[in-house]
Amino acid sequence: MAWALVPAAPRLISALGLRRLVLSRPVHISLFITCYNDTLFPRTGRAVVAVLERLGHTIEFRQAQTCCGQMHYNTGYQAEAMPLMRHFLEVFRDDETICIPSSSCVAMIRDHYPKMAAASGDSAVARAVEKLLPRIFEFSELLVDKLGVIDVGAFFPHSVTLHPSCHSLRSLHLGDKPERLLKQVRGLTLIDLPEATECCGFGGTFAIKNVEVSAAMLSDKLRCVLGTRAEVCTAADNSCLMHIWGGLSRQRTGVRCLHLAEILASTEAGEVS
């Protein structure tokens, strides 16, 4: 299944009141939604498509995609992760550009697929991984580094604080890319998050195996988020946001958690549903 922006993109953009969009060369982009986004946060995928189509690109969603294998690999089931890696390589073998709205899944592919390929002893798999890696982009990387865009024509009249997830900071080294994108959103007030680089305490199965430590780390993160008085907490990873939102909702704070893509997809017409 693929979605494509109509040829009258500039007129459509003007009609919607979107601003200063620099349309780069149209790119055919394959969306790897990730398994937990697909299951729990499908609106993030729709938001990614909305932003990229607004910029004039063609998006394809490959129905055969499953999981990158991160959960299995990080939990010690490395042999079970191997077929998932092979499947990923086959499904996205011919794609020019692959967008993944999850820092942790991108980190899995970049950091661990080469190790897995070497461990497999299969030279064809090693070559396939080597060919794959330059075509993999986290969402904010794709916009800023590949497409050369920081203003995507978004409108979001709310105060927002940004949680930089551990994988985005320490593995992908996204730096200020998400912040630069947010600063171009009309109506948005970006509030610095105290102790921003501290982990939220999720860490996948870490939150299950080390409940007390995870809960203590989450408590610190919630204190910082609430201290900003922001209406919305955003991040490049829904896994972290799921953890943070759980704490915020149990306290009935009224603070929302939205993936970066959902904010960037918002316009005067409203948020992506």
C-alpha atoms as a PDB file:
ATOM      1  CA  MET A   1       0.000   0.000   0.000  1.00  0.00           C
ATOM      2  CA  ALA A   2       1.392   3.447  -0.881  1.00  0.00           C
ATOM      3  CA  TRP A   3       0.293   7.021  -0.438  1.00  0.00           C
ATOM      4  CA  ALA A   4       1.383   9.821  -2.764  1.00  0.00           C
ATOM      5  CA  LEU A   5       0.883  13.577  -2.661  1.00  0.00           C
ATOM      6  CA  VAL A   6      -1.068  14.962  -5.611  1.00  0.00           C
ATOM      7  CA  PRO A   7       0.899  17.008  -8.186  1.00  0.00           C
ATOM      8  CA  ALA A   8      -0.821  20.217  -7.045  1.00  0.00           C
ATOM      9  CA  ALA A   9       1.179  20.168  -3.811  1.00  0.00           C
ATOM     10  CA  PRO A  10       2.165  23.887  -3.791  1.00  0.00           C
ATOM     11  CA  ARG A  11      -1.471  24.968  -4.283  1.00  0.00           C
ATOM     12  CA  LEU A  12      -2.641  22.563  -1.600  1.00  0.00           C
ATOM     13  CA  ILE A  13      -0.001  23.856   0.799  1.00  0.00           C
ATOM     14  CA  SER A  14      -1.083  27.431   0.109  1.00  0.00           C
ATOM     15  CA  ALA A  15      -4.740  26.556   0.630  1.00  0.00           C
ATOM     16  CA  LEU A  16      -3.982  24.980   3.976  1.00  0.00           C
ATOM     17  CA  GLY A  17      -2.068  28.034   5.100  1.00  0.00           C
ATOM     18  CA  LEU A  18       1.186  26.155   5.491  1.00  0.00           C
ATOM     19  CA  ARG A  19       4.354  28.208   5.329  1.00  0.00           C
ATOM     20  CA  ARG A  20       7.849  28.330   3.914  1.00  0.00           C
ATOM     21  CA  LEU A  21       8.050  24.681   2.891  1.00  0.00           C
ATOM     22  CA  VAL A  22      11.150  23.981   0.846  1.00  0.00           C
ATOM     23  CA  LEU A  23      10.231  20.958  -1.245  1.00  0.00           C
ATOM     24  CA  SER A  24      13.343  18.903  -1.826  1.00  0.00           C
ATOM     25  CA  ARG A  25      13.649  16.340  -4.611  1.00  0.00           C
ATOM     26  CA  PRO A  26      10.739  13.918  -4.176  1.00  0.00           C
ATOM     27  CA  VAL A  27      11.928  10.767  -2.442  1.00  0.00           C
ATOM     28  CA  HIS A  28      10.305   7.346  -2.347  1.00  0.00           C
ATOM     29  CA  ILE A  29      10.261   6.510   1.371  1.00  0.00           C
ATOM     30  CA  SER A  30       9.388   3.178   2.936  1.00  0.00           C
ATOM     31  CA  LEU A  31       7.883   3.407   6.430  1.00  0.00           C
ATOM     32  CA  PHE A  32       8.910   0.857   9.040  1.00  0.00           C
ATOM     33  CA  ILE A  33       6.292   1.638  11.663  1.00  0.00           C
ATOM     34  CA  THR A  34       7.763  -0.717  14.347  1.00  0.00           C
ATOM     35  CA  CYS A  35       5.684  -3.359  16.079  1.00  0.00           C
ATOM     36  CA  TYR A  36       4.730  -1.409  19.211  1.00  0.00           C
ATOM     37  CA  ASN A  37       3.770   1.690  17.230  1.00  0.00           C
ATOM     38  CA  ASP A  38       1.658  -0.452  14.939  1.00  0.00           C
ATOM     39  CA  THR A  39      -0.038  -2.121  17.910  1.00  0.00           C
ATOM     40  CA  LEU A  40      -0.311   0.703  20.444  1.00  0.00           C
ATOM     41  CA  PHE A  41       0.360   4.020  18.681  1.00  0.00           C
ATOM     42  CA  PRO A  42      -0.890   3.803  15.072  1.00  0.00           C
ATOM     43  CA  ARG A  43      -1.506   7.565  15.046  1.00  0.00           C
ATOM     44  CA  THR A  44       2.262   8.074  14.987  1.00  0.00           C
ATOM     45  CA  GLY A  45       2.503   6.253  11.675  1.00  0.00           C
ATOM     46  CA  ARG A  46      -0.307   8.327  10.200  1.00  0.00           C
ATOM     47  CA  ALA A  47       1.441  11.472  11.432  1.00  0.00           C
ATOM     48  CA  VAL A  48       4.725  10.484   9.764  1.00  0.00           C
ATOM     49  CA  VAL A  49       2.893   9.914   6.488  1.00  0.00           C
ATOM     50  CA  ALA A  50       1.070  13.251   6.802  1.00  0.00           C
ATOM     51  CA  VAL A  51       4.310  15.197   7.299  1.00  0.00           C
ATOM     52  CA  LEU A  52       6.251  13.490   4.520  1.00  0.00           C
ATOM     53  CA  GLU A  53       3.415  13.693   1.993  1.00  0.00           C
ATOM     54  CA  ARG A  54       3.002  17.379   2.850  1.00  0.00           C
ATOM     55  CA  LEU A  55       6.627  17.787   1.789  1.00  0.00           C
ATOM     56  CA  GLY A  56       5.926  16.121  -1.555  1.00  0.00           C
ATOM     57  CA  HIS A  57       7.313  12.635  -0.985  1.00  0.00           C
ATOM     58  CA  THR A  58       5.825   9.234  -1.762  1.00  0.00           C
ATOM     59  CA  ILE A  59       5.371   6.864   1.171  1.00  0.00           C
ATOM     60  CA  GLU A  60       5.119   3.100   0.983  1.00  0.00           C
ATOM     61  CA  PHE A  61       4.056   0.749   3.773  1.00  0.00           C
ATOM     62  CA  ARG A  62       5.190  -2.811   3.252  1.00  0.00           C
ATOM     63  CA  GLN A  63       2.569  -5.148   4.663  1.00  0.00           C
ATOM     64  CA  ALA A  64       5.100  -7.950   5.196  1.00  0.00           C
ATOM     65  CA  GLN A  65       7.044  -5.989   7.826  1.00  0.00           C
ATOM     66  CA  THR A  66       7.090  -7.326  11.378  1.00  0.00           C
ATOM     67  CA  CYS A  67       9.620  -6.594  14.165  1.00  0.00           C
ATOM     68  CA  CYS A  68      13.276  -5.557  14.033  1.00  0.00           C
ATOM     69  CA  GLY A  69      14.086  -8.057  16.806  1.00  0.00           C
ATOM     70  CA  GLN A  70      15.089  -5.531  19.437  1.00  0.00           C
ATOM     71  CA  MET A  71      12.998  -6.964  22.266  1.00  0.00           C
ATOM     72  CA  HIS A  72      14.321 -10.476  21.675  1.00  0.00           C
ATOM     73  CA  TYR A  73      17.943  -9.401  21.278  1.00  0.00           C
ATOM     74  CA  ASN A  74      18.020  -7.135  24.338  1.00  0.00           C
ATOM     75  CA  THR A  75      16.363  -9.767  26.503  1.00  0.00           C
ATOM     76  CA  GLY A  76      18.957 -12.394  25.659  1.00  0.00           C
ATOM     77  CA  TYR A  77      17.093 -14.276  22.927  1.00  0.00           C
ATOM     78  CA  GLN A  78      19.662 -13.463  20.266  1.00  0.00           C
ATOM     79  CA  ALA A  79      19.132 -16.633  18.268  1.00  0.00           C
ATOM     80  CA  GLU A  80      15.412 -15.877  18.079  1.00  0.00           C
ATOM     81  CA  ALA A  81      16.204 -12.364  16.818  1.00  0.00           C
ATOM     82  CA  MET A  82      18.171 -13.714  13.845  1.00  0.00           C
ATOM     83  CA  PRO A  83      15.144 -14.726  11.697  1.00  0.00           C
ATOM     84  CA  LEU A  84      13.596 -11.308  12.337  1.00  0.00           C
ATOM     85  CA  MET A  85      16.745  -9.592  11.072  1.00  0.00           C
ATOM     86  CA  ARG A  86      16.772 -11.788   7.959  1.00  0.00           C
ATOM     87  CA  HIS A  87      13.114 -10.998   7.351  1.00  0.00           C
ATOM     88  CA  PHE A  88      13.727  -7.268   7.728  1.00  0.00           C
ATOM     89  CA  LEU A  89      16.588  -7.444   5.227  1.00  0.00           C
ATOM     90  CA  GLU A  90      14.365  -9.226   2.713  1.00  0.00           C
ATOM     91  CA  VAL A  91      11.330  -6.948   3.120  1.00  0.00           C
ATOM     92  CA  PHE A  92      13.299  -3.694   2.758  1.00  0.00           C
ATOM     93  CA  ARG A  93      15.954  -5.008   0.371  1.00  0.00           C
ATOM     94  CA  ASP A  94      15.147  -2.682  -2.544  1.00  0.00           C
ATOM     95  CA  ASP A  95      13.968   0.446  -0.738  1.00  0.00           C
ATOM     96  CA  GLU A  96      15.785   3.698  -1.418  1.00  0.00           C
ATOM     97  CA  THR A  97      15.067   5.290   1.975  1.00  0.00           C
ATOM     98  CA  ILE A  98      13.587   3.742   5.120  1.00  0.00           C
ATOM     99  CA  CYS A  99      12.011   5.932   7.796  1.00  0.00           C
ATOM    100  CA  ILE A 100      11.653   4.611  11.348  1.00  0.00           C
ATOM    101  CA  PRO A 101       9.879   6.758  13.989  1.00  0.00           C
ATOM    102  CA  SER A 102      11.733   5.081  16.849  1.00  0.00           C
ATOM    103  CA  SER A 103      15.280   5.784  18.004  1.00  0.00           C
ATOM    104  CA  SER A 104      15.554   2.456  19.791  1.00  0.00           C
ATOM    105  CA  CYS A 105      14.656   0.427  16.697  1.00  0.00           C
ATOM    106  CA  VAL A 106      17.120   2.396  14.579  1.00  0.00           C
ATOM    107  CA  ALA A 107      19.761   1.801  17.258  1.00  0.00           C
ATOM    108  CA  MET A 108      19.003  -1.921  17.156  1.00  0.00           C
ATOM    109  CA  ILE A 109      19.591  -2.010  13.416  1.00  0.00           C
ATOM    110  CA  ARG A 110      22.705   0.156  13.371  1.00  0.00           C
ATOM    111  CA  ASP A 111      24.390  -1.185  16.487  1.00  0.00           C
ATOM    112  CA  HIS A 112      23.427  -4.844  16.514  1.00  0.00           C
ATOM    113  CA  TYR A 113      22.618  -6.012  12.984  1.00  0.00           C
ATOM    114  CA  PRO A 114      26.328  -5.913  12.021  1.00  0.00           C
ATOM    115  CA  LYS A 115      27.162  -8.064  15.081  1.00  0.00           C
ATOM    116  CA  MET A 116      24.354 -10.475  14.282  1.00  0.00           C
ATOM    117  CA  ALA A 117      25.399 -10.707  10.661  1.00  0.00           C
ATOM    118  CA  ALA A 118      28.982 -11.478  11.683  1.00  0.00           C
ATOM    119  CA  ALA A 119      27.773 -14.111  14.149  1.00  0.00           C
ATOM    120  CA  SER A 120      25.662 -15.764  11.448  1.00  0.00           C
ATOM    121  CA  GLY A 121      28.760 -16.564   9.410  1.00  0.00           C
ATOM    122  CA  ASP A 122      26.769 -15.775   6.261  1.00  0.00           C
ATOM    123  CA  SER A 123      28.638 -13.368   4.014  1.00  0.00           C
ATOM    124  CA  ALA A 124      25.474 -12.599   2.022  1.00  0.00           C
ATOM    125  CA  VAL A 125      23.735 -11.433   5.194  1.00  0.00           C
ATOM    126  CA  ALA A 126      26.748  -9.298   6.130  1.00  0.00           C
ATOM    127  CA  ARG A 127      26.666  -7.640   2.702  1.00  0.00           C
ATOM    128  CA  ALA A 128      22.927  -7.064   2.959  1.00  0.00           C
ATOM    129  CA  VAL A 129      23.327  -5.355   6.345  1.00  0.00           C
ATOM    130  CA  GLU A 130      26.157  -3.187   5.031  1.00  0.00           C
ATOM    131  CA  LYS A 131      23.964  -2.132   2.123  1.00  0.00           C
ATOM    132  CA  LEU A 132      20.986  -1.497   4.394  1.00  0.00           C
ATOM    133  CA  LEU A 133      22.490   0.788   7.032  1.00  0.00           C
ATOM    134  CA  PRO A 134      23.004   3.961   4.920  1.00  0.00           C
ATOM    135  CA  ARG A 135      19.322   3.817   3.948  1.00  0.00           C
ATOM    136  CA  ILE A 136      17.979   3.749   7.519  1.00  0.00           C
ATOM    137  CA  PHE A 137      16.796   7.039   9.070  1.00  0.00           C
ATOM    138  CA  GLU A 138      15.102   7.948  12.319  1.00  0.00           C
ATOM    139  CA  PHE A 139      12.268  10.416  11.612  1.00  0.00           C
ATOM    140  CA  SER A 140      14.021  13.631  12.704  1.00  0.00           C
ATOM    141  CA  GLU A 141      17.240  12.503  10.972  1.00  0.00           C
ATOM    142  CA  LEU A 142      15.303  11.976   7.771  1.00  0.00           C
ATOM    143  CA  LEU A 143      13.814  15.469   7.882  1.00  0.00           C
ATOM    144  CA  VAL A 144      16.944  17.379   8.880  1.00  0.00           C
ATOM    145  CA  ASP A 145      19.815  15.382   7.381  1.00  0.00           C
ATOM    146  CA  LYS A 146      18.316  13.635   4.344  1.00  0.00           C
ATOM    147  CA  LEU A 147      15.591  16.071   3.257  1.00  0.00           C
ATOM    148  CA  GLY A 148      17.188  19.266   4.569  1.00  0.00           C
ATOM    149  CA  VAL A 149      13.986  20.539   6.210  1.00  0.00           C
ATOM    150  CA  ILE A 150      13.353  21.975   9.669  1.00  0.00           C
ATOM    151  CA  ASP A 151      10.127  23.868   8.971  1.00  0.00           C
ATOM    152  CA  VAL A 152       7.423  21.375   7.978  1.00  0.00           C
ATOM    153  CA  GLY A 153       4.538  23.844   8.119  1.00  0.00           C
ATOM    154  CA  ALA A 154       3.163  22.696  11.461  1.00  0.00           C
ATOM    155  CA  PHE A 155       0.867  24.589  13.817  1.00  0.00           C
ATOM    156  CA  PHE A 156       0.525  23.480  17.449  1.00  0.00           C
ATOM    157  CA  PRO A 157      -0.588  26.186  19.912  1.00  0.00           C
ATOM    158  CA  HIS A 158       0.565  24.496  23.102  1.00  0.00           C
ATOM    159  CA  SER A 159       3.468  24.506  25.522  1.00  0.00           C
ATOM    160  CA  VAL A 160       5.752  21.513  25.002  1.00  0.00           C
ATOM    161  CA  THR A 161       8.736  19.971  26.755  1.00  0.00           C
ATOM    162  CA  LEU A 162      11.089  17.529  25.019  1.00  0.00           C
ATOM    163  CA  HIS A 163      12.354  14.306  26.587  1.00  0.00           C
ATOM    164  CA  PRO A 164      15.518  13.193  24.725  1.00  0.00           C
ATOM    165  CA  SER A 165      15.401   9.402  24.934  1.00  0.00           C
ATOM    166  CA  CYS A 166      18.529   7.437  25.808  1.00  0.00           C
ATOM    167  CA  HIS A 167      18.829   5.818  22.375  1.00  0.00           C
ATOM    168  CA  SER A 168      18.380   9.156  20.616  1.00  0.00           C
ATOM    169  CA  LEU A 169      21.111  10.698  22.785  1.00  0.00           C
ATOM    170  CA  ARG A 170      23.647   7.946  23.294  1.00  0.00           C
ATOM    171  CA  SER A 171      23.302   5.763  20.236  1.00  0.00           C
ATOM    172  CA  LEU A 172      21.980   7.906  17.390  1.00  0.00           C
ATOM    173  CA  HIS A 173      23.429  11.190  18.709  1.00  0.00           C
ATOM    174  CA  LEU A 174      20.460  13.128  17.356  1.00  0.00           C
ATOM    175  CA  GLY A 175      21.660  16.240  19.139  1.00  0.00           C
ATOM    176  CA  ASP A 176      19.325  19.187  18.672  1.00  0.00           C
ATOM    177  CA  LYS A 177      17.468  17.897  15.609  1.00  0.00           C
ATOM    178  CA  PRO A 178      14.113  17.347  17.389  1.00  0.00           C
ATOM    179  CA  GLU A 179      14.477  20.704  19.137  1.00  0.00           C
ATOM    180  CA  ARG A 180      15.203  22.513  15.868  1.00  0.00           C
ATOM    181  CA  LEU A 181      12.081  21.009  14.318  1.00  0.00           C
ATOM    182  CA  LEU A 182       9.920  21.979  17.284  1.00  0.00           C
ATOM    183  CA  LYS A 183      11.204  25.560  17.294  1.00  0.00           C
ATOM    184  CA  GLN A 184       9.810  26.052  13.793  1.00  0.00           C
ATOM    185  CA  VAL A 185       6.271  25.025  14.759  1.00  0.00           C
ATOM    186  CA  ARG A 186       3.899  27.976  14.808  1.00  0.00           C
ATOM    187  CA  GLY A 187       2.179  28.623  18.111  1.00  0.00           C
ATOM    188  CA  LEU A 188       4.375  26.186  20.025  1.00  0.00           C
ATOM    189  CA  THR A 189       6.157  27.252  23.192  1.00  0.00           C
ATOM    190  CA  LEU A 190       9.142  24.984  23.842  1.00  0.00           C
ATOM    191  CA  ILE A 191      10.126  24.705  27.500  1.00  0.00           C
ATOM    192  CA  ASP A 192      13.471  23.211  28.512  1.00  0.00           C
ATOM    193  CA  LEU A 193      13.187  20.020  30.538  1.00  0.00           C
ATOM    194  CA  PRO A 194      15.357  19.991  33.680  1.00  0.00           C
ATOM    195  CA  GLU A 195      17.745  17.032  33.909  1.00  0.00           C
ATOM    196  CA  ALA A 196      16.703  16.218  30.357  1.00  0.00           C
ATOM    197  CA  THR A 197      19.455  13.690  29.691  1.00  0.00           C
ATOM    198  CA  GLU A 198      18.428  11.453  32.612  1.00  0.00           C
ATOM    199  CA  CYS A 199      16.721   8.167  31.679  1.00  0.00           C
ATOM    200  CA  CYS A 200      12.973   7.899  32.247  1.00  0.00           C
ATOM    201  CA  GLY A 201      13.396   4.386  33.651  1.00  0.00           C
ATOM    202  CA  PHE A 202      11.672   2.401  30.911  1.00  0.00           C
ATOM    203  CA  GLY A 203      14.398   0.442  29.106  1.00  0.00           C
ATOM    204  CA  GLY A 204      12.024  -2.199  27.748  1.00  0.00           C
ATOM    205  CA  THR A 205      12.042  -5.281  29.963  1.00  0.00           C
ATOM    206  CA  PHE A 206      14.195  -3.354  32.462  1.00  0.00           C
ATOM    207  CA  ALA A 207      10.971  -1.767  33.718  1.00  0.00           C
ATOM    208  CA  ILE A 208       9.576  -5.239  34.391  1.00  0.00           C
ATOM    209  CA  LYS A 209      12.655  -6.904  35.830  1.00  0.00           C
ATOM    210  CA  ASN A 210      13.723  -3.916  37.949  1.00  0.00           C
ATOM    211  CA  VAL A 211      10.406  -2.412  38.955  1.00  0.00           C
ATOM    212  CA  GLU A 212      11.577  -0.456  41.995  1.00  0.00           C
ATOM    213  CA  VAL A 213      14.513   1.174  40.225  1.00  0.00           C
ATOM    214  CA  SER A 214      12.406   1.922  37.151  1.00  0.00           C
ATOM    215  CA  ALA A 215       9.673   3.498  39.265  1.00  0.00           C
ATOM    216  CA  ALA A 216      12.183   5.681  41.116  1.00  0.00           C
ATOM    217  CA  MET A 217      13.680   6.899  37.836  1.00  0.00           C
ATOM    218  CA  LEU A 218      10.202   7.579  36.480  1.00  0.00           C
ATOM    219  CA  SER A 219       9.340   9.586  39.601  1.00  0.00           C
ATOM    220  CA  ASP A 220      12.337  11.846  38.984  1.00  0.00           C
ATOM    221  CA  LYS A 221      11.340  12.294  35.334  1.00  0.00           C
ATOM    222  CA  LEU A 222       7.745  13.137  36.243  1.00  0.00           C
ATOM    223  CA  ARG A 223       8.935  15.731  38.733  1.00  0.00           C
ATOM    224  CA  CYS A 224      10.945  17.415  35.987  1.00  0.00           C
ATOM    225  CA  VAL A 225       8.126  17.251  33.418  1.00  0.00           C
ATOM    226  CA  LEU A 226       5.577  18.666  35.830  1.00  0.00           C
ATOM    227  CA  GLY A 227       8.012  21.364  36.903  1.00  0.00           C
ATOM    228  CA  THR A 228       7.952  22.808  33.386  1.00  0.00           C
ATOM    229  CA  ARG A 229       4.150  23.246  33.535  1.00  0.00           C
ATOM    230  CA  ALA A 230       4.084  22.193  29.876  1.00  0.00           C
ATOM    231  CA  GLU A 231       0.848  20.893  28.402  1.00  0.00           C
ATOM    232  CA  VAL A 232       2.595  18.227  26.357  1.00  0.00           C
ATOM    233  CA  CYS A 233       5.669  16.037  26.739  1.00  0.00           C
ATOM    234  CA  THR A 234       7.172  14.844  23.465  1.00  0.00           C
ATOM    235  CA  ALA A 235       9.981  12.526  22.389  1.00  0.00           C
ATOM    236  CA  ALA A 236      11.271  10.552  19.406  1.00  0.00           C
ATOM    237  CA  ASP A 237      10.289   7.271  21.110  1.00  0.00           C
ATOM    238  CA  ASN A 238       6.790   6.166  22.042  1.00  0.00           C
ATOM    239  CA  SER A 239       8.262   3.538  24.352  1.00  0.00           C
ATOM    240  CA  CYS A 240       9.538   6.264  26.688  1.00  0.00           C
ATOM    241  CA  LEU A 241       6.359   8.279  26.256  1.00  0.00           C
ATOM    242  CA  MET A 242       4.240   5.244  27.158  1.00  0.00           C
ATOM    243  CA  HIS A 243       6.188   4.931  30.413  1.00  0.00           C
ATOM    244  CA  ILE A 244       6.025   8.649  31.191  1.00  0.00           C
ATOM    245  CA  TRP A 245       2.349   8.935  30.269  1.00  0.00           C
ATOM    246  CA  GLY A 246       1.530   6.018  32.544  1.00  0.00           C
ATOM    247  CA  GLY A 247       2.910   7.942  35.507  1.00  0.00           C
ATOM    248  CA  LEU A 248       1.317  11.226  34.465  1.00  0.00           C
ATOM    249  CA  SER A 249      -2.094   9.660  33.925  1.00  0.00           C
ATOM    250  CA  ARG A 250      -2.083   7.812  37.254  1.00  0.00           C
ATOM    251  CA  GLN A 251      -1.516  11.161  38.947  1.00  0.00           C
ATOM    252  CA  ARG A 252      -4.300  12.727  36.842  1.00  0.00           C
ATOM    253  CA  THR A 253      -2.005  15.565  35.818  1.00  0.00           C
ATOM    254  CA  GLY A 254      -3.722  16.300  32.509  1.00  0.00           C
ATOM    255  CA  VAL A 255      -0.319  16.435  30.724  1.00  0.00           C
ATOM    256  CA  ARG A 256      -0.383  14.696  27.349  1.00  0.00           C
ATOM    257  CA  CYS A 257       2.393  12.717  25.698  1.00  0.00           C
ATOM    258  CA  LEU A 258       2.732  12.950  21.914  1.00  0.00           C
ATOM    259  CA  HIS A 259       5.367  11.616  19.552  1.00  0.00           C
ATOM    260  CA  LEU A 260       7.349  14.305  17.746  1.00  0.00           C
ATOM    261  CA  ALA A 261       5.699  13.302  14.468  1.00  0.00           C
ATOM    262  CA  GLU A 262       2.224  13.976  15.845  1.00  0.00           C
ATOM    263  CA  ILE A 263       3.162  17.539  16.720  1.00  0.00           C
ATOM    264  CA  LEU A 264       4.824  18.123  13.354  1.00  0.00           C
ATOM    265  CA  ALA A 265       1.763  16.746  11.556  1.00  0.00           C
ATOM    266  CA  SER A 266      -0.585  19.206  13.289  1.00  0.00           C
ATOM    267  CA  THR A 267      -1.941  22.165  11.349  1.00  0.00           C
ATOM    268  CA  GLU A 268      -4.597  24.845  11.799  1.00  0.00           C
ATOM    269  CA  ALA A 269      -7.063  22.127  10.784  1.00  0.00           C
ATOM    270  CA  GLY A 270      -6.150  20.153  13.909  1.00  0.00           C
ATOM    271  CA  GLU A 271      -4.150  17.122  14.984  1.00  0.00           C
ATOM    272  CA  VAL A 272      -3.870  13.858  13.081  1.00  0.00           C
ATOM    273  CA  SER A 273      -6.536  11.439  14.280  1.00  0.00           C
END
